[in-house]
Amino acid sequence: NFDTSNVTNMGAMFEICSSLTELNLSNFDTSKVTNMAYMFSKSKVKLLDLSSFDTSKVTYMSYMFQEASARTGYARTTADANKFNRSELKPAGLNFIVKPK
């Protein structure tokens, strides 16, 4: 229940979360975020459902998923999925698609 409506920097927010294997981020408002670098780097979360994430203002997404354990990822739009999939050092086994309805 974080109020993220005014957050602009989510860099490294869940980096190295070795004790978390799941996260519910469905209420995250990312409409003002510009930095998501290292956000899930080395995270042990198994599924990354980022289908509520608006990445339209994000300019820095480097290493967002570096060494992340997740193998399934969901995005809100094709543009968001493409941004996630282009993040530097994203594990080859992690692929983002638009979440089925």
PDB file of N, CA and C in Angstrom:
ATOM      1  N   ASN A   1       0.807  -1.199   0.000  1.00  0.00           N
ATOM      2  CA  ASN A   1       0.000   0.000   0.000  1.00  0.00           C
ATOM      3  C   ASN A   1       0.852   1.265   0.000  1.00  0.00           C
ATOM      4  N   PHE A   2       2.008   1.199  -0.661  1.00  0.00           N
ATOM      5  CA  PHE A   2       2.840   2.397  -0.786  1.00  0.00           C
ATOM      6  C   PHE A   2       2.129   3.428  -1.645  1.00  0.00           C
ATOM      7  N   ASP A   3       2.230   4.700  -1.258  1.00  0.00           N
ATOM      8  CA  ASP A   3       1.757   5.777  -2.126  1.00  0.00           C
ATOM      9  C   ASP A   3       2.955   6.206  -2.960  1.00  0.00           C
ATOM     10  N   THR A   4       2.968   5.781  -4.212  1.00  0.00           N
ATOM     11  CA  THR A   4       4.096   6.077  -5.091  1.00  0.00           C
ATOM     12  C   THR A   4       3.735   7.129  -6.141  1.00  0.00           C
ATOM     13  N   SER A   5       2.649   7.828  -5.938  1.00  0.00           N
ATOM     14  CA  SER A   5       2.158   8.759  -6.953  1.00  0.00           C
ATOM     15  C   SER A   5       3.100   9.927  -7.231  1.00  0.00           C
ATOM     16  N   ASN A   6       3.996  10.267  -6.319  1.00  0.00           N
ATOM     17  CA  ASN A   6       4.928  11.369  -6.543  1.00  0.00           C
ATOM     18  C   ASN A   6       6.385  10.925  -6.636  1.00  0.00           C
ATOM     19  N   VAL A   7       6.601   9.630  -6.687  1.00  0.00           N
ATOM     20  CA  VAL A   7       7.961   9.094  -6.744  1.00  0.00           C
ATOM     21  C   VAL A   7       8.518   9.262  -8.155  1.00  0.00           C
ATOM     22  N   THR A   8       9.756   9.732  -8.247  1.00  0.00           N
ATOM     23  CA  THR A   8      10.427   9.849  -9.541  1.00  0.00           C
ATOM     24  C   THR A   8      11.607   8.899  -9.660  1.00  0.00           C
ATOM     25  N   ASN A   9      12.122   8.421  -8.529  1.00  0.00           N
ATOM     26  CA  ASN A   9      13.291   7.547  -8.546  1.00  0.00           C
ATOM     27  C   ASN A   9      12.977   6.250  -7.800  1.00  0.00           C
ATOM     28  N   MET A  10      12.893   5.144  -8.533  1.00  0.00           N
ATOM     29  CA  MET A  10      12.701   3.826  -7.937  1.00  0.00           C
ATOM     30  C   MET A  10      13.949   2.973  -8.114  1.00  0.00           C
ATOM     31  N   GLY A  11      15.056   3.612  -8.424  1.00  0.00           N
ATOM     32  CA  GLY A  11      16.307   2.902  -8.628  1.00  0.00           C
ATOM     33  C   GLY A  11      16.679   2.044  -7.430  1.00  0.00           C
ATOM     34  N   ALA A  12      17.015   0.785  -7.682  1.00  0.00           N
ATOM     35  CA  ALA A  12      17.483  -0.179  -6.675  1.00  0.00           C
ATOM     36  C   ALA A  12      16.455  -0.466  -5.582  1.00  0.00           C
ATOM     37  N   MET A  13      15.212  -0.164  -5.813  1.00  0.00           N
ATOM     38  CA  MET A  13      14.174  -0.303  -4.791  1.00  0.00           C
ATOM     39  C   MET A  13      14.069  -1.720  -4.224  1.00  0.00           C
ATOM     40  N   PHE A  14      14.142  -2.725  -5.078  1.00  0.00           N
ATOM     41  CA  PHE A  14      14.049  -4.117  -4.636  1.00  0.00           C
ATOM     42  C   PHE A  14      15.328  -4.893  -4.948  1.00  0.00           C
ATOM     43  N   GLU A  15      16.425  -4.185  -5.112  1.00  0.00           N
ATOM     44  CA  GLU A  15      17.695  -4.826  -5.428  1.00  0.00           C
ATOM     45  C   GLU A  15      18.108  -5.762  -4.285  1.00  0.00           C
ATOM     46  N   ILE A  16      18.569  -6.928  -4.662  1.00  0.00           N
ATOM     47  CA  ILE A  16      19.077  -7.940  -3.724  1.00  0.00           C
ATOM     48  C   ILE A  16      18.032  -8.316  -2.667  1.00  0.00           C
ATOM     49  N   CYS A  17      16.785  -8.433  -3.060  1.00  0.00           N
ATOM     50  CA  CYS A  17      15.733  -8.900  -2.140  1.00  0.00           C
ATOM     51  C   CYS A  17      15.771 -10.420  -2.105  1.00  0.00           C
ATOM     52  N   SER A  18      16.682 -10.956  -1.341  1.00  0.00           N
ATOM     53  CA  SER A  18      16.874 -12.400  -1.332  1.00  0.00           C
ATOM     54  C   SER A  18      15.804 -13.145  -0.540  1.00  0.00           C
ATOM     55  N   SER A  19      15.081 -12.475   0.327  1.00  0.00           N
ATOM     56  CA  SER A  19      14.054 -13.160   1.108  1.00  0.00           C
ATOM     57  C   SER A  19      12.664 -13.061   0.479  1.00  0.00           C
ATOM     58  N   LEU A  20      12.491 -12.193  -0.502  1.00  0.00           N
ATOM     59  CA  LEU A  20      11.194 -12.058  -1.173  1.00  0.00           C
ATOM     60  C   LEU A  20      11.149 -12.919  -2.421  1.00  0.00           C
ATOM     61  N   THR A  21      10.103 -13.741  -2.534  1.00  0.00           N
ATOM     62  CA  THR A  21       9.925 -14.522  -3.755  1.00  0.00           C
ATOM     63  C   THR A  21       8.695 -14.073  -4.522  1.00  0.00           C
ATOM     64  N   GLU A  22       7.899 -13.183  -3.926  1.00  0.00           N
ATOM     65  CA  GLU A  22       6.775 -12.603  -4.646  1.00  0.00           C
ATOM     66  C   GLU A  22       6.511 -11.186  -4.167  1.00  0.00           C
ATOM     67  N   LEU A  23       6.008 -10.384  -5.082  1.00  0.00           N
ATOM     68  CA  LEU A  23       5.676  -8.980  -4.805  1.00  0.00           C
ATOM     69  C   LEU A  23       4.367  -8.647  -5.489  1.00  0.00           C
ATOM     70  N   ASN A  24       3.506  -7.912  -4.815  1.00  0.00           N
ATOM     71  CA  ASN A  24       2.292  -7.408  -5.442  1.00  0.00           C
ATOM     72  C   ASN A  24       2.516  -5.919  -5.681  1.00  0.00           C
ATOM     73  N   LEU A  25       2.740  -5.574  -6.937  1.00  0.00           N
ATOM     74  CA  LEU A  25       3.012  -4.185  -7.301  1.00  0.00           C
ATOM     75  C   LEU A  25       1.847  -3.567  -8.074  1.00  0.00           C
ATOM     76  N   SER A  26       0.685  -4.180  -7.970  1.00  0.00           N
ATOM     77  CA  SER A  26      -0.466  -3.746  -8.768  1.00  0.00           C
ATOM     78  C   SER A  26      -0.947  -2.343  -8.430  1.00  0.00           C
ATOM     79  N   ASN A  27      -0.612  -1.836  -7.256  1.00  0.00           N
ATOM     80  CA  ASN A  27      -1.034  -0.482  -6.874  1.00  0.00           C
ATOM     81  C   ASN A  27       0.054   0.558  -7.052  1.00  0.00           C
ATOM     82  N   PHE A  28       1.187   0.166  -7.623  1.00  0.00           N
ATOM     83  CA  PHE A  28       2.267   1.124  -7.831  1.00  0.00           C
ATOM     84  C   PHE A  28       1.901   2.093  -8.948  1.00  0.00           C
ATOM     85  N   ASP A  29       1.970   3.380  -8.643  1.00  0.00           N
ATOM     86  CA  ASP A  29       1.768   4.429  -9.647  1.00  0.00           C
ATOM     87  C   ASP A  29       3.154   4.874 -10.091  1.00  0.00           C
ATOM     88  N   THR A  30       3.525   4.519 -11.295  1.00  0.00           N
ATOM     89  CA  THR A  30       4.866   4.852 -11.803  1.00  0.00           C
ATOM     90  C   THR A  30       4.814   5.935 -12.876  1.00  0.00           C
ATOM     91  N   SER A  31       3.739   6.658 -12.930  1.00  0.00           N
ATOM     92  CA  SER A  31       3.543   7.642 -13.996  1.00  0.00           C
ATOM     93  C   SER A  31       4.538   8.802 -13.960  1.00  0.00           C
ATOM     94  N   LYS A  32       5.197   9.051 -12.816  1.00  0.00           N
ATOM     95  CA  LYS A  32       6.170  10.142 -12.717  1.00  0.00           C
ATOM     96  C   LYS A  32       7.608   9.639 -12.626  1.00  0.00           C
ATOM     97  N   VAL A  33       7.781   8.333 -12.620  1.00  0.00           N
ATOM     98  CA  VAL A  33       9.116   7.754 -12.430  1.00  0.00           C
ATOM     99  C   VAL A  33       9.985   7.959 -13.664  1.00  0.00           C
ATOM    100  N   THR A  34      11.215   8.397 -13.434  1.00  0.00           N
ATOM    101  CA  THR A  34      12.191   8.562 -14.511  1.00  0.00           C
ATOM    102  C   THR A  34      13.348   7.579 -14.375  1.00  0.00           C
ATOM    103  N   ASN A  35      13.567   7.039 -13.169  1.00  0.00           N
ATOM    104  CA  ASN A  35      14.688   6.128 -12.932  1.00  0.00           C
ATOM    105  C   ASN A  35      14.196   4.816 -12.334  1.00  0.00           C
ATOM    106  N   MET A  36      14.416   3.713 -13.064  1.00  0.00           N
ATOM    107  CA  MET A  36      14.126   2.367 -12.567  1.00  0.00           C
ATOM    108  C   MET A  36      15.378   1.490 -12.609  1.00  0.00           C
ATOM    109  N   ALA A  37      16.544   2.095 -12.724  1.00  0.00           N
ATOM    110  CA  ALA A  37      17.795   1.340 -12.812  1.00  0.00           C
ATOM    111  C   ALA A  37      17.976   0.448 -11.582  1.00  0.00           C
ATOM    112  N   TYR A  38      18.428  -0.774 -11.803  1.00  0.00           N
ATOM    113  CA  TYR A  38      18.723  -1.745 -10.751  1.00  0.00           C
ATOM    114  C   TYR A  38      17.513  -2.098  -9.894  1.00  0.00           C
ATOM    115  N   MET A  39      16.328  -1.743 -10.287  1.00  0.00           N
ATOM    116  CA  MET A  39      15.139  -1.905  -9.447  1.00  0.00           C
ATOM    117  C   MET A  39      14.940  -3.337  -8.951  1.00  0.00           C
ATOM    118  N   PHE A  40      15.146  -4.323  -9.811  1.00  0.00           N
ATOM    119  CA  PHE A  40      14.979  -5.726  -9.427  1.00  0.00           C
ATOM    120  C   PHE A  40      16.278  -6.514  -9.569  1.00  0.00           C
ATOM    121  N   SER A  41      17.387  -5.836  -9.642  1.00  0.00           N
ATOM    122  CA  SER A  41      18.684  -6.477  -9.806  1.00  0.00           C
ATOM    123  C   SER A  41      18.949  -7.464  -8.661  1.00  0.00           C
ATOM    124  N   LYS A  42      19.292  -8.689  -9.016  1.00  0.00           N
ATOM    125  CA  LYS A  42      19.614  -9.767  -8.072  1.00  0.00           C
ATOM    126  C   LYS A  42      18.431 -10.151  -7.185  1.00  0.00           C
ATOM    127  N   SER A  43      17.229  -9.778  -7.576  1.00  0.00           N
ATOM    128  CA  SER A  43      16.021 -10.113  -6.833  1.00  0.00           C
ATOM    129  C   SER A  43      15.685 -11.592  -7.013  1.00  0.00           C
ATOM    130  N   LYS A  44      15.125 -12.202  -5.990  1.00  0.00           N
ATOM    131  CA  LYS A  44      14.717 -13.612  -6.027  1.00  0.00           C
ATOM    132  C   LYS A  44      13.229 -13.772  -6.343  1.00  0.00           C
ATOM    133  N   VAL A  45      12.543 -12.687  -6.671  1.00  0.00           N
ATOM    134  CA  VAL A  45      11.130 -12.744  -7.018  1.00  0.00           C
ATOM    135  C   VAL A  45      10.968 -13.639  -8.248  1.00  0.00           C
ATOM    136  N   LYS A  46      10.011 -14.557  -8.204  1.00  0.00           N
ATOM    137  CA  LYS A  46       9.835 -15.561  -9.255  1.00  0.00           C
ATOM    138  C   LYS A  46       9.052 -15.058 -10.462  1.00  0.00           C
ATOM    139  N   LEU A  47       8.115 -14.153 -10.242  1.00  0.00           N
ATOM    140  CA  LEU A  47       7.276 -13.602 -11.312  1.00  0.00           C
ATOM    141  C   LEU A  47       7.291 -12.091 -11.176  1.00  0.00           C
ATOM    142  N   LEU A  48       7.571 -11.396 -12.276  1.00  0.00           N
ATOM    143  CA  LEU A  48       7.561  -9.929 -12.256  1.00  0.00           C
ATOM    144  C   LEU A  48       6.352  -9.430 -13.047  1.00  0.00           C
ATOM    145  N   ASP A  49       5.272  -9.199 -12.318  1.00  0.00           N
ATOM    146  CA  ASP A  49       4.062  -8.669 -12.954  1.00  0.00           C
ATOM    147  C   ASP A  49       4.122  -7.151 -12.837  1.00  0.00           C
ATOM    148  N   LEU A  50       4.618  -6.533 -13.891  1.00  0.00           N
ATOM    149  CA  LEU A  50       4.747  -5.072 -13.936  1.00  0.00           C
ATOM    150  C   LEU A  50       3.687  -4.483 -14.851  1.00  0.00           C
ATOM    151  N   SER A  51       2.550  -5.185 -14.962  1.00  0.00           N
ATOM    152  CA  SER A  51       1.494  -4.764 -15.881  1.00  0.00           C
ATOM    153  C   SER A  51       0.801  -3.473 -15.453  1.00  0.00           C
ATOM    154  N   SER A  52       1.065  -3.003 -14.250  1.00  0.00           N
ATOM    155  CA  SER A  52       0.508  -1.707 -13.833  1.00  0.00           C
ATOM    156  C   SER A  52       1.521  -0.579 -14.029  1.00  0.00           C
ATOM    157  N   PHE A  53       2.737  -0.911 -14.441  1.00  0.00           N
ATOM    158  CA  PHE A  53       3.798   0.089 -14.574  1.00  0.00           C
ATOM    159  C   PHE A  53       3.652   0.904 -15.859  1.00  0.00           C
ATOM    160  N   ASP A  54       3.667   2.215 -15.704  1.00  0.00           N
ATOM    161  CA  ASP A  54       3.685   3.154 -16.822  1.00  0.00           C
ATOM    162  C   ASP A  54       5.133   3.620 -16.955  1.00  0.00           C
ATOM    163  N   THR A  55       5.803   3.242 -18.032  1.00  0.00           N
ATOM    164  CA  THR A  55       7.218   3.603 -18.197  1.00  0.00           C
ATOM    165  C   THR A  55       7.418   4.760 -19.174  1.00  0.00           C
ATOM    166  N   SER A  56       6.355   5.484 -19.460  1.00  0.00           N
ATOM    167  CA  SER A  56       6.437   6.536 -20.486  1.00  0.00           C
ATOM    168  C   SER A  56       7.436   7.643 -20.146  1.00  0.00           C
ATOM    169  N   LYS A  57       7.717   7.873 -18.870  1.00  0.00           N
ATOM    170  CA  LYS A  57       8.677   8.925 -18.493  1.00  0.00           C
ATOM    171  C   LYS A  57      10.033   8.369 -18.081  1.00  0.00           C
ATOM    172  N   VAL A  58      10.169   7.059 -18.052  1.00  0.00           N
ATOM    173  CA  VAL A  58      11.420   6.449 -17.614  1.00  0.00           C
ATOM    174  C   VAL A  58      12.505   6.677 -18.663  1.00  0.00           C
ATOM    175  N   THR A  59      13.610   7.258 -18.218  1.00  0.00           N
ATOM    176  CA  THR A  59      14.742   7.500 -19.108  1.00  0.00           C
ATOM    177  C   THR A  59      15.951   6.664 -18.714  1.00  0.00           C
ATOM    178  N   TYR A  60      15.935   6.093 -17.524  1.00  0.00           N
ATOM    179  CA  TYR A  60      17.066   5.310 -17.049  1.00  0.00           C
ATOM    180  C   TYR A  60      16.549   3.982 -16.501  1.00  0.00           C
ATOM    181  N   MET A  61      16.829   2.907 -17.236  1.00  0.00           N
ATOM    182  CA  MET A  61      16.343   1.584 -16.886  1.00  0.00           C
ATOM    183  C   MET A  61      17.490   0.562 -16.896  1.00  0.00           C
ATOM    184  N   SER A  62      18.718   1.042 -16.877  1.00  0.00           N
ATOM    185  CA  SER A  62      19.879   0.165 -16.964  1.00  0.00           C
ATOM    186  C   SER A  62      19.923  -0.843 -15.824  1.00  0.00           C
ATOM    187  N   TYR A  63      20.281  -2.067 -16.163  1.00  0.00           N
ATOM    188  CA  TYR A  63      20.493  -3.145 -15.192  1.00  0.00           C
ATOM    189  C   TYR A  63      19.277  -3.393 -14.300  1.00  0.00           C
ATOM    190  N   MET A  64      18.114  -3.041 -14.765  1.00  0.00           N
ATOM    191  CA  MET A  64      16.881  -3.185 -13.984  1.00  0.00           C
ATOM    192  C   MET A  64      16.662  -4.616 -13.514  1.00  0.00           C
ATOM    193  N   PHE A  65      17.043  -5.589 -14.347  1.00  0.00           N
ATOM    194  CA  PHE A  65      16.791  -6.994 -14.027  1.00  0.00           C
ATOM    195  C   PHE A  65      18.079  -7.822 -13.942  1.00  0.00           C
ATOM    196  N   GLN A  66      19.222  -7.181 -13.807  1.00  0.00           N
ATOM    197  CA  GLN A  66      20.505  -7.870 -13.766  1.00  0.00           C
ATOM    198  C   GLN A  66      20.479  -8.998 -12.721  1.00  0.00           C
ATOM    199  N   GLU A  67      20.771 -10.218 -13.166  1.00  0.00           N
ATOM    200  CA  GLU A  67      20.824 -11.399 -12.305  1.00  0.00           C
ATOM    201  C   GLU A  67      19.524 -11.671 -11.550  1.00  0.00           C
ATOM    202  N   ALA A  68      18.406 -11.195 -12.052  1.00  0.00           N
ATOM    203  CA  ALA A  68      17.111 -11.468 -11.422  1.00  0.00           C
ATOM    204  C   ALA A  68      16.741 -12.935 -11.627  1.00  0.00           C
ATOM    205  N   SER A  69      16.029 -13.506 -10.678  1.00  0.00           N
ATOM    206  CA  SER A  69      15.634 -14.917 -10.739  1.00  0.00           C
ATOM    207  C   SER A  69      14.376 -15.156 -11.563  1.00  0.00           C
ATOM    208  N   ALA A  70      13.567 -14.136 -11.758  1.00  0.00           N
ATOM    209  CA  ALA A  70      12.298 -14.303 -12.478  1.00  0.00           C
ATOM    210  C   ALA A  70      12.513 -14.819 -13.891  1.00  0.00           C
ATOM    211  N   ARG A  71      11.569 -15.610 -14.356  1.00  0.00           N
ATOM    212  CA  ARG A  71      11.601 -16.116 -15.727  1.00  0.00           C
ATOM    213  C   ARG A  71      10.366 -15.668 -16.506  1.00  0.00           C
ATOM    214  N   THR A  72       9.385 -15.137 -15.782  1.00  0.00           N
ATOM    215  CA  THR A  72       8.163 -14.642 -16.405  1.00  0.00           C
ATOM    216  C   THR A  72       7.978 -13.188 -16.030  1.00  0.00           C
ATOM    217  N   GLY A  73       7.650 -12.371 -17.025  1.00  0.00           N
ATOM    218  CA  GLY A  73       7.403 -10.962 -16.777  1.00  0.00           C
ATOM    219  C   GLY A  73       6.225 -10.466 -17.587  1.00  0.00           C
ATOM    220  N   TYR A  74       5.398  -9.667 -16.955  1.00  0.00           N
ATOM    221  CA  TYR A  74       4.238  -9.085 -17.632  1.00  0.00           C
ATOM    222  C   TYR A  74       4.357  -7.567 -17.660  1.00  0.00           C
ATOM    223  N   ALA A  75       3.960  -7.002 -18.793  1.00  0.00           N
ATOM    224  CA  ALA A  75       3.982  -5.553 -18.983  1.00  0.00           C
ATOM    225  C   ALA A  75       2.589  -5.071 -19.341  1.00  0.00           C
ATOM    226  N   ARG A  76       2.388  -3.774 -19.230  1.00  0.00           N
ATOM    227  CA  ARG A  76       1.102  -3.130 -19.516  1.00  0.00           C
ATOM    228  C   ARG A  76       0.858  -3.013 -21.014  1.00  0.00           C
ATOM    229  N   THR A  77       1.893  -2.639 -21.744  1.00  0.00           N
ATOM    230  CA  THR A  77       1.780  -2.427 -23.186  1.00  0.00           C
ATOM    231  C   THR A  77       2.967  -3.071 -23.896  1.00  0.00           C
ATOM    232  N   THR A  78       2.873  -3.168 -25.204  1.00  0.00           N
ATOM    233  CA  THR A  78       3.993  -3.678 -25.991  1.00  0.00           C
ATOM    234  C   THR A  78       5.198  -2.757 -25.848  1.00  0.00           C
ATOM    235  N   ALA A  79       4.970  -1.453 -25.817  1.00  0.00           N
ATOM    236  CA  ALA A  79       6.079  -0.498 -25.652  1.00  0.00           C
ATOM    237  C   ALA A  79       6.791  -0.721 -24.315  1.00  0.00           C
ATOM    238  N   ASP A  80       6.025  -0.947 -23.247  1.00  0.00           N
ATOM    239  CA  ASP A  80       6.620  -1.212 -21.940  1.00  0.00           C
ATOM    240  C   ASP A  80       7.404  -2.532 -21.977  1.00  0.00           C
ATOM    241  N   ALA A  81       6.821  -3.572 -22.559  1.00  0.00           N
ATOM    242  CA  ALA A  81       7.502  -4.876 -22.666  1.00  0.00           C
ATOM    243  C   ALA A  81       8.814  -4.729 -23.424  1.00  0.00           C
ATOM    244  N   ASN A  82       8.792  -3.969 -24.512  1.00  0.00           N
ATOM    245  CA  ASN A  82      10.013  -3.757 -25.298  1.00  0.00           C
ATOM    246  C   ASN A  82      11.090  -3.053 -24.478  1.00  0.00           C
ATOM    247  N   LYS A  83      10.692  -2.054 -23.688  1.00  0.00           N
ATOM    248  CA  LYS A  83      11.654  -1.351 -22.831  1.00  0.00           C
ATOM    249  C   LYS A  83      12.260  -2.318 -21.811  1.00  0.00           C
ATOM    250  N   PHE A  84      11.415  -3.113 -21.172  1.00  0.00           N
ATOM    251  CA  PHE A  84      11.910  -4.072 -20.180  1.00  0.00           C
ATOM    252  C   PHE A  84      12.862  -5.073 -20.833  1.00  0.00           C
ATOM    253  N   ASN A  85      12.479  -5.562 -21.993  1.00  0.00           N
ATOM    254  CA  ASN A  85      13.291  -6.572 -22.680  1.00  0.00           C
ATOM    255  C   ASN A  85      14.630  -6.034 -23.177  1.00  0.00           C
ATOM    256  N   ARG A  86      14.741  -4.724 -23.346  1.00  0.00           N
ATOM    257  CA  ARG A  86      15.998  -4.112 -23.796  1.00  0.00           C
ATOM    258  C   ARG A  86      16.908  -3.690 -22.636  1.00  0.00           C
ATOM    259  N   SER A  87      16.457  -3.862 -21.414  1.00  0.00           N
ATOM    260  CA  SER A  87      17.255  -3.450 -20.267  1.00  0.00           C
ATOM    261  C   SER A  87      18.583  -4.207 -20.252  1.00  0.00           C
ATOM    262  N   GLU A  88      19.685  -3.481 -20.048  1.00  0.00           N
ATOM    263  CA  GLU A  88      21.016  -4.082 -20.049  1.00  0.00           C
ATOM    264  C   GLU A  88      21.133  -5.193 -19.012  1.00  0.00           C
ATOM    265  N   LEU A  89      21.782  -6.273 -19.418  1.00  0.00           N
ATOM    266  CA  LEU A  89      22.080  -7.434 -18.594  1.00  0.00           C
ATOM    267  C   LEU A  89      20.840  -8.148 -18.061  1.00  0.00           C
ATOM    268  N   LYS A  90      19.702  -7.991 -18.750  1.00  0.00           N
ATOM    269  CA  LYS A  90      18.512  -8.764 -18.383  1.00  0.00           C
ATOM    270  C   LYS A  90      18.821 -10.224 -18.666  1.00  0.00           C
ATOM    271  N   PRO A  91      18.523 -11.145 -17.739  1.00  0.00           N
ATOM    272  CA  PRO A  91      18.785 -12.556 -18.000  1.00  0.00           C
ATOM    273  C   PRO A  91      18.079 -13.029 -19.274  1.00  0.00           C
ATOM    274  N   ALA A  92      18.760 -13.838 -20.051  1.00  0.00           N
ATOM    275  CA  ALA A  92      18.201 -14.330 -21.318  1.00  0.00           C
ATOM    276  C   ALA A  92      16.910 -15.108 -21.097  1.00  0.00           C
ATOM    277  N   GLY A  93      16.765 -15.751 -19.946  1.00  0.00           N
ATOM    278  CA  GLY A  93      15.577 -16.551 -19.663  1.00  0.00           C
ATOM    279  C   GLY A  93      14.372 -15.751 -19.211  1.00  0.00           C
ATOM    280  N   LEU A  94      14.524 -14.459 -19.007  1.00  0.00           N
ATOM    281  CA  LEU A  94      13.419 -13.596 -18.584  1.00  0.00           C
ATOM    282  C   LEU A  94      12.892 -12.851 -19.795  1.00  0.00           C
ATOM    283  N   ASN A  95      11.611 -13.054 -20.086  1.00  0.00           N
ATOM    284  CA  ASN A  95      10.998 -12.395 -21.233  1.00  0.00           C
ATOM    285  C   ASN A  95       9.700 -11.722 -20.805  1.00  0.00           C
ATOM    286  N   PHE A  96       9.543 -10.471 -21.184  1.00  0.00           N
ATOM    287  CA  PHE A  96       8.338  -9.725 -20.867  1.00  0.00           C
ATOM    288  C   PHE A  96       7.365  -9.738 -22.031  1.00  0.00           C
ATOM    289  N   ILE A  97       6.098  -9.975 -21.709  1.00  0.00           N
ATOM    290  CA  ILE A  97       5.023  -9.916 -22.691  1.00  0.00           C
ATOM    291  C   ILE A  97       3.895  -9.084 -22.079  1.00  0.00           C
ATOM    292  N   VAL A  98       2.972  -8.656 -22.921  1.00  0.00           N
ATOM    293  CA  VAL A  98       1.794  -7.939 -22.428  1.00  0.00           C
ATOM    294  C   VAL A  98       0.934  -8.955 -21.670  1.00  0.00           C
ATOM    295  N   LYS A  99       0.480  -8.575 -20.493  1.00  0.00           N
ATOM    296  CA  LYS A  99      -0.292  -9.496 -19.661  1.00  0.00           C
ATOM    297  C   LYS A  99      -1.620  -9.831 -20.354  1.00  0.00           C
ATOM    298  N   PRO A 100      -1.892 -11.138 -20.502  1.00  0.00           N
ATOM    299  CA  PRO A 100      -3.175 -11.541 -21.097  1.00  0.00           C
ATOM    300  C   PRO A 100      -4.330 -11.088 -20.217  1.00  0.00           C
ATOM    301  N   LYS A 101      -5.420 -10.743 -20.842  1.00  0.00           N
ATOM    302  CA  LYS A 101      -6.601 -10.281 -20.074  1.00  0.00           C
ATOM    303  C   LYS A 101      -7.477 -11.433 -19.692  1.00  0.00           C
TER     304      LYS A 101
END
